[in-house]
Protein backbone atom coordinates (compact mmCIF):
# COMPACT_ATOMS: atom_id res chain seq x y z
CA MET A 1 3.42 -42.44 25.15
CA ASN A 2 2.75 -43.14 28.83
CA TYR A 3 5.05 -45.24 31.02
CA SER A 4 4.63 -47.69 33.88
CA ILE A 5 6.42 -50.40 35.87
CA ALA A 6 5.30 -53.88 36.93
CA MET A 7 6.87 -56.45 39.23
CA THR A 8 5.81 -59.55 41.14
CA GLU A 9 5.30 -59.63 44.91
CA SER A 10 8.47 -61.73 45.34
CA VAL A 11 10.62 -59.20 43.44
CA ASN A 12 9.06 -56.35 45.43
CA LYS A 13 9.86 -58.12 48.72
CA LYS A 14 13.48 -58.72 47.70
CA LEU A 15 13.92 -55.04 46.86
CA PHE A 16 12.18 -53.80 50.01
CA ASP A 17 14.19 -56.08 52.30
CA HIS A 18 17.43 -54.73 50.83
CA LEU A 19 16.60 -51.04 50.33
CA ILE A 20 14.75 -50.18 53.54
CA ARG A 21 17.45 -50.39 56.20
CA GLU A 22 17.06 -50.55 59.96
CA ASP A 23 19.69 -47.81 60.37
CA GLY A 24 17.59 -45.40 58.24
CA GLN A 25 20.35 -44.93 55.63
CA GLU A 26 19.62 -44.82 51.92
CA ASP A 27 20.69 -47.83 49.83
CA LEU A 28 20.79 -48.81 46.17
CA CYS A 29 20.87 -51.72 43.75
CA PHE A 30 20.39 -52.55 40.09
CA ALA A 31 17.66 -54.65 38.52
CA PHE A 32 16.83 -55.84 35.02
CA TYR A 33 13.67 -55.38 32.98
CA LYS A 34 11.96 -56.42 29.77
CA PRO A 35 9.74 -54.00 27.83
CA SER A 36 6.01 -54.50 27.28
CA THR A 37 4.56 -52.15 24.67
CA GLY A 38 0.88 -51.34 24.31
CA SER A 39 -0.94 -48.84 22.12
CA LYS A 40 -0.45 -45.90 24.47
CA ARG A 41 1.80 -47.18 27.25
CA LYS A 42 5.22 -48.76 27.59
CA THR A 43 5.82 -50.85 30.71
CA GLY A 44 9.09 -51.98 32.20
CA ILE A 45 8.70 -55.47 33.70
CA ILE A 46 11.25 -55.98 36.48
CA VAL A 47 12.37 -59.60 36.11
CA GLU A 48 15.63 -59.92 38.08
CA VAL A 49 17.55 -58.11 40.82
CA LEU A 50 21.33 -57.99 41.21
CA LEU A 51 22.02 -56.94 44.78
CA PRO A 52 25.40 -55.37 45.60
CA GLU A 53 28.04 -57.50 47.26
CA GLN A 54 30.60 -56.40 49.84
CA GLY A 55 32.44 -53.35 48.51
CA ASP A 56 30.07 -52.73 45.57
CA ARG A 57 28.64 -49.55 47.10
CA ASN A 58 29.24 -46.99 49.82
CA VAL A 59 26.46 -46.18 52.28
CA HIS A 60 27.09 -42.68 53.64
CA GLY A 61 24.21 -40.24 53.43
CA ASN A 62 23.90 -40.16 49.63
CA VAL A 63 24.69 -43.78 48.76
CA SER A 64 26.98 -44.45 45.77
CA PHE A 65 28.20 -47.48 43.79
CA ASN A 66 31.59 -48.35 42.33
CA SER A 67 32.52 -49.13 38.73
CA ASP A 68 33.01 -52.88 39.31
CA TYR A 69 29.35 -53.24 40.35
CA PHE A 70 28.15 -51.35 37.27
CA ASP A 71 30.40 -53.47 35.04
CA LYS A 72 28.79 -56.65 36.43
CA VAL A 73 25.37 -55.16 35.76
CA THR A 74 26.09 -54.15 32.15
CA SER A 75 27.79 -57.47 31.34
CA TYR A 76 24.78 -59.46 32.56
CA ALA A 77 22.29 -57.18 30.79
CA LEU A 78 24.19 -57.51 27.51
CA ALA A 79 24.43 -61.30 27.80
CA GLN A 80 20.73 -61.73 28.64
CA ASN A 81 19.35 -58.97 26.39
CA LEU A 82 17.78 -57.08 29.30
CA GLY A 83 17.17 -53.45 30.15
CA ILE A 84 18.74 -51.90 33.26
CA CYS A 85 16.95 -50.33 36.19
CA PHE A 86 18.79 -48.22 38.79
CA ILE A 87 16.98 -48.27 42.15
CA HIS A 88 17.59 -46.40 45.39
CA SER A 89 15.66 -45.67 48.57
CA HIS A 90 14.65 -42.46 50.33
CA PRO A 91 14.02 -42.27 54.10
CA PHE A 92 10.52 -40.84 53.58
CA PRO A 93 7.06 -42.26 52.76
CA GLY A 94 4.98 -41.72 49.60
CA TRP A 95 5.81 -40.99 45.95
CA GLN A 96 9.39 -39.68 45.86
CA GLY A 97 10.74 -36.81 43.81
CA MET A 98 14.40 -36.47 42.83
CA SER A 99 17.19 -34.44 44.40
CA PHE A 100 19.84 -32.67 42.32
CA ASP A 101 22.25 -35.54 43.01
CA ASP A 102 19.60 -38.12 41.98
CA VAL A 103 19.07 -36.40 38.63
CA LYS A 104 22.81 -36.04 38.06
CA ALA A 105 23.43 -39.73 38.73
CA GLU A 106 20.68 -41.00 36.43
CA LYS A 107 21.57 -38.56 33.66
CA MET A 108 25.11 -39.90 33.83
CA LEU A 109 23.88 -43.51 33.62
CA ALA A 110 21.27 -43.02 30.85
CA PRO A 111 23.62 -42.83 27.81
CA ARG A 112 25.84 -45.65 29.10
CA VAL A 113 22.87 -47.94 29.65
CA ARG A 114 21.38 -47.20 26.25
CA ALA A 115 24.72 -47.80 24.52
CA VAL A 116 24.95 -51.26 26.11
CA THR A 117 21.32 -52.43 26.00
CA GLY A 118 19.65 -50.29 23.33
CA LEU A 119 16.91 -49.65 25.91
CA PRO A 120 16.17 -46.63 28.11
CA LEU A 121 17.44 -46.47 31.65
CA ILE A 122 14.69 -46.86 34.24
CA GLY A 123 15.17 -45.04 37.53
CA MET A 124 13.14 -46.03 40.59
CA THR A 125 12.86 -44.75 44.15
CA LEU A 126 11.35 -46.59 47.11
CA GLY A 127 9.84 -44.83 50.13
CA THR A 128 9.79 -46.26 53.63
CA ASP A 129 6.12 -47.26 53.24
CA ASN A 130 6.92 -49.37 50.14
CA TYR A 131 5.56 -46.58 47.90
CA TRP A 132 7.30 -46.68 44.52
CA SER A 133 8.06 -43.90 42.05
CA ALA A 134 9.71 -44.44 38.67
CA ARG A 135 10.81 -42.76 35.42
CA PHE A 136 12.16 -43.61 31.99
CA TRP A 137 15.12 -41.71 30.54
CA ILE A 138 14.40 -41.31 26.81
CA LYS A 139 16.96 -40.17 24.24
CA GLU A 140 15.44 -37.13 22.48
CA ALA A 141 18.53 -35.96 20.57
CA PRO A 142 22.29 -36.65 20.47
CA SER A 143 23.58 -36.49 24.06
CA THR A 144 20.14 -35.36 25.26
CA TYR A 145 18.07 -37.55 27.61
CA GLU A 146 14.72 -36.46 29.01
CA ARG A 147 13.01 -37.81 32.10
CA TYR A 148 9.46 -39.17 31.68
CA TRP A 149 7.69 -40.01 34.93
CA CYS A 150 5.78 -43.28 35.09
CA GLU A 151 2.05 -42.93 35.67
CA SER A 152 2.03 -46.00 37.91
CA VAL A 153 3.93 -48.90 39.44
CA ARG A 154 2.01 -52.12 40.11
CA ILE A 155 2.86 -55.09 42.31
CA VAL A 156 1.24 -58.32 41.09
CA GLY A 157 0.70 -61.61 42.88
CA LYS A 158 -1.86 -62.75 45.42
CA LEU A 159 -2.94 -59.10 45.46
CA LEU A 160 -2.72 -56.18 43.04
CA LYS A 161 -1.11 -53.14 44.65
CA PRO A 162 -0.80 -50.02 42.46
CA TYR A 163 1.13 -46.82 43.18
CA PHE A 164 0.18 -43.73 41.17
CA TYR A 165 1.86 -40.46 40.27
CA ASP A 166 -0.86 -37.96 41.13
CA LYS A 167 0.27 -35.40 38.55
CA ILE A 168 -0.37 -37.87 35.70
CA ILE A 169 -3.29 -39.93 37.00
CA ARG A 170 -5.13 -37.48 39.19
CA LYS A 171 -7.41 -38.24 42.07
CA THR A 172 -11.16 -37.73 41.70
CA ASN A 173 -13.21 -35.50 43.95
CA TYR A 174 -16.17 -37.82 44.54
CA ALA A 175 -19.51 -36.22 45.38
CA GLU A 176 -22.63 -37.60 47.03
CA GLU A 177 -23.18 -40.10 44.19
CA PHE A 178 -20.46 -42.38 45.60
CA SER A 179 -20.93 -41.76 49.30
CA ARG A 180 -22.31 -45.25 49.96
CA THR A 181 -19.53 -46.95 48.00
CA ILE A 182 -16.73 -44.99 49.69
CA SER A 183 -18.22 -45.65 53.12
CA SER A 184 -17.53 -49.36 52.57
CA TRP A 185 -13.73 -49.10 52.28
CA GLY A 186 -12.71 -45.46 52.68
CA GLU A 187 -11.45 -42.63 50.50
CA SER A 188 -7.88 -43.95 50.19
CA LYS A 189 -8.93 -47.34 48.77
CA GLN A 190 -11.49 -45.67 46.50
CA GLN A 191 -8.77 -43.50 44.95
CA GLU A 192 -6.62 -46.60 44.47
CA ILE A 193 -9.38 -48.64 42.85
CA SER A 194 -10.77 -45.86 40.68
CA ARG A 195 -7.45 -45.05 39.00
CA LEU A 196 -6.82 -48.59 37.74
CA LYS A 197 -6.99 -49.02 33.97
CA ILE A 198 -9.28 -51.98 33.40
CA GLY A 199 -9.95 -53.91 30.20
CA ILE A 200 -12.95 -56.12 29.43
CA VAL A 201 -12.34 -58.70 26.70
CA GLY A 202 -15.71 -59.86 25.40
CA LEU A 203 -18.79 -57.64 25.70
CA GLY A 204 -21.42 -60.38 25.76
CA SER A 205 -23.90 -61.01 28.54
CA VAL A 206 -21.29 -61.25 31.31
CA GLY A 207 -18.95 -58.56 29.98
CA ALA A 208 -21.77 -56.01 29.62
CA LEU A 209 -22.82 -56.52 33.24
CA ILE A 210 -19.23 -56.15 34.42
CA THR A 211 -18.84 -52.82 32.60
CA GLU A 212 -21.90 -51.55 34.46
CA ALA A 213 -20.58 -52.78 37.82
CA LEU A 214 -17.14 -51.27 37.24
CA MET A 215 -18.55 -47.87 36.36
CA ARG A 216 -20.74 -47.88 39.47
CA THR A 217 -17.69 -48.82 41.53
CA GLY A 218 -16.05 -45.63 40.28
CA ILE A 219 -13.63 -47.01 37.66
CA ARG A 220 -12.70 -44.08 35.41
CA ASN A 221 -10.68 -45.71 32.63
CA MET A 222 -11.98 -48.76 30.77
CA THR A 223 -11.08 -50.51 27.52
CA PHE A 224 -13.67 -52.65 25.71
CA ILE A 225 -12.29 -55.30 23.31
CA ASP A 226 -14.74 -57.25 21.14
CA PHE A 227 -15.23 -57.51 17.38
CA ASP A 228 -18.82 -58.82 17.55
CA LEU A 229 -21.94 -57.00 16.41
CA VAL A 230 -25.27 -56.97 18.24
CA GLU A 231 -27.54 -59.65 16.72
CA LEU A 232 -31.16 -60.62 17.21
CA LYS A 233 -30.13 -63.70 19.21
CA ASN A 234 -28.40 -61.41 21.77
CA LEU A 235 -31.54 -59.54 22.85
CA ASP A 236 -32.43 -61.93 25.67
CA ARG A 237 -28.99 -61.73 27.29
CA LEU A 238 -27.36 -58.35 26.64
CA LEU A 239 -27.89 -55.61 29.19
CA ALA A 240 -30.18 -52.78 27.98
CA ILE A 241 -29.98 -53.76 24.29
CA ASN A 242 -32.88 -52.78 22.01
CA ARG A 243 -33.88 -53.95 18.55
CA SER A 244 -32.67 -50.64 17.16
CA ASP A 245 -29.15 -51.54 18.30
CA ILE A 246 -28.86 -54.59 16.02
CA GLY A 247 -25.84 -54.19 13.74
CA LYS A 248 -23.85 -51.97 16.12
CA TYR A 249 -20.54 -53.03 17.59
CA LYS A 250 -21.09 -54.30 21.11
CA VAL A 251 -18.16 -52.15 22.29
CA ASP A 252 -19.62 -49.00 20.73
CA TYR A 253 -23.07 -49.59 22.16
CA GLN A 254 -21.82 -50.16 25.71
CA LYS A 255 -19.50 -47.15 25.51
CA GLU A 256 -22.33 -44.89 24.35
CA ARG A 257 -24.68 -46.24 27.01
CA LEU A 258 -22.29 -45.79 29.93
CA LEU A 259 -21.23 -42.29 28.90
CA LYS A 260 -24.89 -41.23 28.79
CA THR A 261 -25.30 -41.98 32.49
CA GLU A 262 -23.01 -39.02 33.34
CA LEU A 263 -22.22 -40.71 36.65
CA LEU A 264 -18.49 -40.08 36.24
CA ARG A 265 -17.56 -36.80 34.59
CA ASP A 266 -14.00 -37.99 33.87
CA LEU A 267 -15.01 -41.44 32.55
CA VAL A 268 -12.79 -42.55 29.63
CA ILE A 269 -13.76 -45.57 27.52
CA ASN A 270 -11.66 -46.97 24.67
CA ALA A 271 -13.85 -49.08 22.35
CA VAL A 272 -11.75 -51.52 20.31
CA PRO A 273 -13.67 -53.57 17.68
CA TYR A 274 -10.90 -56.14 17.28
CA SER A 275 -10.08 -59.62 18.53
CA ILE A 276 -7.58 -60.06 21.36
CA SER A 277 -5.52 -62.05 18.83
CA GLU A 278 -5.24 -59.05 16.48
CA ARG A 279 -2.54 -56.45 17.03
CA LYS A 280 -4.92 -53.60 17.87
CA GLY A 281 -6.82 -55.74 20.34
CA LEU A 282 -3.70 -57.14 22.00
CA ASN A 283 -1.96 -53.75 22.25
CA ALA A 284 -5.06 -52.19 23.80
CA ALA A 285 -5.05 -54.93 26.44
CA LEU A 286 -1.39 -54.20 27.25
CA ASP A 287 -2.37 -50.66 28.25
CA CYS A 288 -4.41 -52.08 31.15
CA ASP A 289 -3.54 -52.87 34.78
CA ILE A 290 -6.06 -55.70 35.01
CA LEU A 291 -8.27 -57.55 32.52
CA PHE A 292 -11.64 -59.30 32.69
CA SER A 293 -11.80 -62.33 30.40
CA CYS A 294 -15.42 -62.75 29.25
CA VAL A 295 -14.72 -65.01 26.28
CA ASP A 296 -16.01 -68.52 25.66
CA MET A 297 -13.55 -69.93 23.11
CA PRO A 298 -10.19 -71.66 23.76
CA LEU A 299 -7.91 -69.54 21.55
CA PRO A 300 -8.60 -66.15 23.19
CA ARG A 301 -8.33 -67.82 26.60
CA TYR A 302 -4.94 -69.22 25.63
CA ILE A 303 -3.78 -65.81 24.41
CA LEU A 304 -5.00 -64.09 27.58
CA ASP A 305 -3.33 -66.77 29.71
CA CYS A 306 0.03 -66.14 28.02
CA LEU A 307 -0.47 -62.36 28.03
CA SER A 308 -1.16 -62.33 31.76
CA PHE A 309 2.07 -64.05 32.82
CA ALA A 310 4.27 -62.45 30.17
CA ASN A 311 3.15 -58.90 31.02
CA LEU A 312 2.26 -59.22 34.73
CA ILE A 313 -1.39 -58.32 34.15
CA PRO A 314 -3.80 -60.23 36.42
CA ILE A 315 -6.87 -61.55 34.63
CA ILE A 316 -10.26 -62.35 36.10
CA ASP A 317 -11.83 -65.11 34.08
CA GLY A 318 -15.11 -66.97 34.32
CA GLY A 319 -17.36 -69.33 32.46
CA ILE A 320 -20.81 -70.89 32.46
CA ASP A 321 -21.64 -74.50 31.64
CA THR A 322 -25.29 -75.53 31.36
CA ASN A 323 -27.08 -78.51 29.91
CA PRO A 324 -30.79 -79.22 29.37
CA LYS A 325 -32.32 -82.65 29.81
CA LYS A 326 -32.30 -84.67 26.61
CA ASP A 327 -36.06 -84.32 26.17
CA LEU A 328 -35.81 -80.53 26.86
CA SER A 329 -38.33 -80.89 29.69
CA ASN A 330 -36.09 -79.02 32.16
CA ILE A 331 -32.53 -77.97 32.86
CA ASP A 332 -30.27 -80.84 33.89
CA GLN A 333 -27.27 -79.03 35.34
CA ALA A 334 -25.68 -75.58 35.43
CA ARG A 335 -22.39 -74.37 36.85
CA TRP A 336 -20.42 -71.15 36.67
CA LYS A 337 -16.92 -70.53 37.87
CA ALA A 338 -14.86 -67.37 38.54
CA HIS A 339 -11.15 -67.09 39.30
CA THR A 340 -8.18 -64.73 39.17
CA ILE A 341 -5.17 -65.91 37.22
CA GLY A 342 -1.72 -64.47 36.74
CA PRO A 343 1.82 -64.39 38.14
CA GLU A 344 2.16 -66.08 41.56
CA ARG A 345 -1.37 -67.43 41.15
CA ILE A 346 -2.64 -70.18 38.86
CA CYS A 347 -2.97 -70.14 35.06
CA MET A 348 -6.12 -70.99 33.13
CA GLN A 349 -4.55 -74.09 31.62
CA CYS A 350 -3.79 -75.60 35.02
CA LEU A 351 -7.37 -74.75 36.00
CA ASN A 352 -8.59 -76.72 32.94
CA GLN A 353 -10.39 -73.67 31.53
CA TYR A 354 -9.25 -74.63 28.05
CA LYS A 355 -7.31 -77.37 26.34
CA PRO A 356 -4.29 -76.47 24.18
CA GLU A 357 -5.49 -78.89 21.51
CA ASP A 358 -8.83 -77.03 21.27
CA ALA A 359 -6.98 -73.72 20.91
CA ALA A 360 -5.01 -75.30 18.05
CA LEU A 361 -8.25 -76.50 16.46
CA GLU A 362 -9.74 -73.03 16.63
CA LEU A 363 -6.59 -71.54 15.11
CA SER A 364 -6.77 -74.06 12.24
CA GLY A 365 -10.40 -73.09 11.53
CA ASP A 366 -11.79 -76.58 12.18
CA LEU A 367 -14.12 -75.34 14.93
CA GLU A 368 -15.96 -73.31 12.29
CA ASN A 369 -16.28 -76.29 9.94
CA PRO A 370 -19.77 -77.88 10.30
CA ASN A 371 -18.55 -81.21 8.92
CA TYR A 372 -15.72 -81.35 11.48
CA ILE A 373 -18.00 -80.35 14.35
CA LYS A 374 -20.40 -83.21 13.49
CA GLY A 375 -17.63 -85.67 14.33
CA LEU A 376 -16.97 -84.25 17.81
CA PRO A 377 -18.46 -85.97 20.88
CA GLU A 378 -21.69 -84.60 22.35
CA ASP A 379 -19.96 -83.40 25.51
CA HIS A 380 -17.35 -81.35 23.60
CA PHE A 381 -17.50 -77.69 24.66
CA ILE A 382 -18.42 -76.54 21.13
CA ASN A 383 -21.70 -78.49 21.42
CA ARG A 384 -22.56 -76.93 24.77
CA GLY A 385 -22.82 -73.45 26.21
CA GLU A 386 -26.49 -72.71 26.62
CA ASN A 387 -26.98 -69.71 28.87
CA VAL A 388 -29.59 -67.40 30.35
CA PHE A 389 -29.37 -63.85 31.66
CA ALA A 390 -29.83 -64.85 35.31
CA PHE A 391 -26.75 -67.09 35.20
CA SER A 392 -24.73 -64.31 33.55
CA MET A 393 -25.73 -61.97 36.38
CA SER A 394 -24.48 -64.44 38.97
CA LEU A 395 -21.17 -65.03 37.18
CA ALA A 396 -20.60 -61.29 36.69
CA SER A 397 -21.18 -60.82 40.42
CA MET A 398 -18.66 -63.55 41.26
CA GLU A 399 -16.07 -61.99 38.95
CA MET A 400 -16.56 -58.58 40.59
CA GLN A 401 -16.04 -60.26 43.98
CA GLN A 402 -12.76 -61.70 42.67
CA PHE A 403 -11.75 -58.21 41.54
CA LEU A 404 -12.54 -56.57 44.88
CA SER A 405 -10.78 -59.34 46.81
CA LEU A 406 -7.70 -58.85 44.61
CA VAL A 407 -7.44 -55.09 45.19
CA LEU A 408 -8.81 -54.82 48.75
CA LYS A 409 -7.57 -58.04 50.39
CA PRO A 410 -9.66 -57.39 53.53
CA ARG A 411 -8.11 -58.69 56.78
CA GLY A 412 -5.18 -59.88 54.69
CA ILE A 413 -7.30 -62.66 53.23
CA TYR A 414 -7.53 -63.56 49.56
CA TYR A 415 -9.32 -66.47 47.95
CA GLY A 416 -8.95 -68.55 44.86
CA PRO A 417 -11.41 -69.97 42.31
CA LYS A 418 -15.06 -70.42 43.23
CA GLU A 419 -17.71 -72.45 41.43
CA MET A 420 -21.48 -72.20 41.84
CA ASP A 421 -23.61 -75.32 41.46
CA PHE A 422 -27.08 -74.14 40.45
CA VAL A 423 -28.76 -77.49 41.13
CA THR A 424 -27.56 -77.81 44.75
CA GLY A 425 -27.16 -74.08 45.46
CA THR A 426 -23.67 -74.63 46.86
CA ILE A 427 -20.39 -72.81 46.13
CA ASP A 428 -17.29 -74.97 45.79
CA SER A 429 -13.93 -73.37 46.64
CA ASP A 430 -11.75 -76.48 46.86
CA PHE A 431 -9.51 -75.63 43.90
CA GLU A 432 -5.78 -75.23 43.43
CA ASN A 433 -4.54 -71.64 43.27
CA GLU A 434 -0.99 -72.38 42.12
CA CYS A 435 0.27 -73.92 38.90
CA GLU A 436 1.68 -77.41 38.60
CA LYS A 437 5.46 -77.61 39.02
CA ASP A 438 6.04 -78.36 35.33
CA CYS A 439 3.60 -75.68 34.03
CA LYS A 440 5.04 -74.22 30.84
CA ILE A 441 3.09 -70.97 31.12
CA SER A 442 4.08 -69.91 34.64
CA ASN A 443 7.62 -71.35 34.42
CA SER A 444 8.56 -70.16 30.95
CA LEU A 445 6.51 -67.05 30.14
CA THR A 446 6.53 -64.92 33.29
CA GLY A 447 7.90 -61.45 32.56
CA MET A 448 8.74 -62.05 28.89
CA GLY A 449 6.79 -58.99 27.70
CA ASP A 450 7.35 -58.01 24.06
CA GLN A 451 9.60 -61.03 23.58
CA LEU A 452 6.41 -63.12 23.60
CA ASN A 453 3.72 -60.61 22.61
CA GLU A 454 4.56 -60.62 18.92
CA SER A 455 3.90 -64.38 18.71
CA LEU A 456 0.37 -63.87 20.10
CA VAL A 457 -0.66 -61.68 17.14
CA MET A 458 -2.45 -63.53 14.36
CA ARG A 459 -5.11 -63.04 11.74
CA HIS A 460 -8.73 -63.46 12.85
CA VAL A 461 -11.00 -64.07 9.87
CA GLY A 462 -14.19 -63.87 11.95
CA ALA A 463 -13.25 -60.43 13.24
CA GLU A 464 -12.45 -59.23 9.74
CA LYS A 465 -15.84 -60.45 8.48
CA SER A 466 -17.58 -58.71 11.39
CA ARG A 467 -15.93 -55.38 10.58
CA GLU A 468 -16.80 -55.75 6.91
CA LYS A 469 -20.43 -56.49 7.80
CA HIS A 470 -20.52 -53.44 10.07
CA LYS A 471 -19.11 -51.33 7.24
CA GLN A 472 -21.85 -52.54 4.89
CA ILE A 473 -24.56 -51.80 7.48
CA TRP A 474 -23.10 -48.34 8.14
CA ASN A 475 -22.94 -47.53 4.40
CA LYS A 476 -26.54 -48.73 3.95
CA ASP A 477 -27.70 -46.54 6.85
CA LYS A 478 -25.67 -43.65 5.47
CA ASN A 479 -27.42 -43.95 2.11
CA LYS A 480 -30.80 -44.02 3.85
CA ARG A 481 -29.89 -40.90 5.81
CA SER A 482 -28.76 -39.19 2.59
CA VAL A 483 -32.10 -39.92 0.90
CA PHE A 484 -33.97 -38.74 4.01
CA GLU A 485 -31.97 -35.51 4.17
CA PHE A 486 -32.60 -34.92 0.42
CA LEU A 487 -36.37 -35.41 0.82
CA LYS A 488 -36.41 -33.21 3.91
CA ALA A 489 -34.56 -30.43 2.08
CA SER A 490 -36.91 -30.74 -0.92
CA ILE A 491 -40.01 -30.46 1.28
CA ASN A 492 -38.59 -27.43 3.08
CA SER A 493 -37.83 -25.77 -0.24
CA PHE A 494 -41.37 -26.46 -1.46
CA LEU A 495 -42.89 -25.03 1.72
CA HIS A 496 -40.91 -21.81 1.28
CA LEU A 497 -42.22 -21.25 -2.25
């Protein structure tokens, strides 16, 4: 299991303002976290900070705290069912190691914290340049606690700022192949971007293009989540698909295709043929630092919306809306919109990217019932959605721009949602980038982690049917190969007589 930490920009600022002192002394405080558990990574989501009051700690070289402060911390954690994080600063920049006294203090705290909360102690250190380092203290045996360094700490809000432990997520020595890319923003930013773990949910026309763009930006770790198979109707819109690929999982095809380029020698792709609503799909998404939402149905959008705020994972979402003229003599209108949603930004629901009632309809199965669909109005989203490859290319480009703005924030500027009007050729950016005051998603779900994640898991009949169909195709091909191998062996035997 790997480990990581996530916090919002506002929590990060509160900690920095307290821990980095003008007099250069070290300082400390306690914070509280909720766990978020993926397939291969456990994340501690820092949700609250309890700063020391007068007399709670002593600042003198190696800062220390008194028992009354720790009692307040444990009482609050027990009452609120939260994990405990012990945080202190070092008067140096960069990822911080631990002194003998640091290790001694956290080893002393680890069993006490676990006895109270049932969760591991998290230790964190902040450098003067706001560079975070962190570790989990895991109980391995009675009275034995081992330190596991976090691979990363991410700050989420108007920007995404990651901090990596180089010994776990190593830097890449880029060669000439990426010289033009690196010349745009420098080696330091390239190392930051390339080590992000990025998930793409939906490997259709837009998702496939984004995987290509991410690889050629130097992203080394990607997760593809989609239960769909390649069908004949996909050939005009899926990047580099051939007729021979019909029947394959979209995630498997794109993984195989990208690995064949050999552009990145350390490229890792996790292909997950499940829905985001299924446990394997959801848990794979929780292993990521950022997600691209390339889905076109309300239920997965709702799940991703909740997942983003609950687990502090920014999501770049987009969609295309086109309509032909009634007599099919030409296109009537086409628009596509891209935006970044997540904590301290706006949610998809406030952006009107889906309606909760449509998500409920999809969950009930009514949106797959032809008789029910006949009764829906013509302008309902289920009766729309025509698309062409050129529009997908434009949307994928806009989503990549959202991604680069999020991680680079050039000149300190970030932007919100953007919508392209194909008919007029204009780009509209006059959209809200913060949720409404009474938004249930941003107000109620932020930082909930596993407390919410379990409720997002549900059965997906369509995904189950897709996997069964793939199994039948694979078995049929296997039988064909067996017959071919038998005939080949028989001919070889005859030729040797």
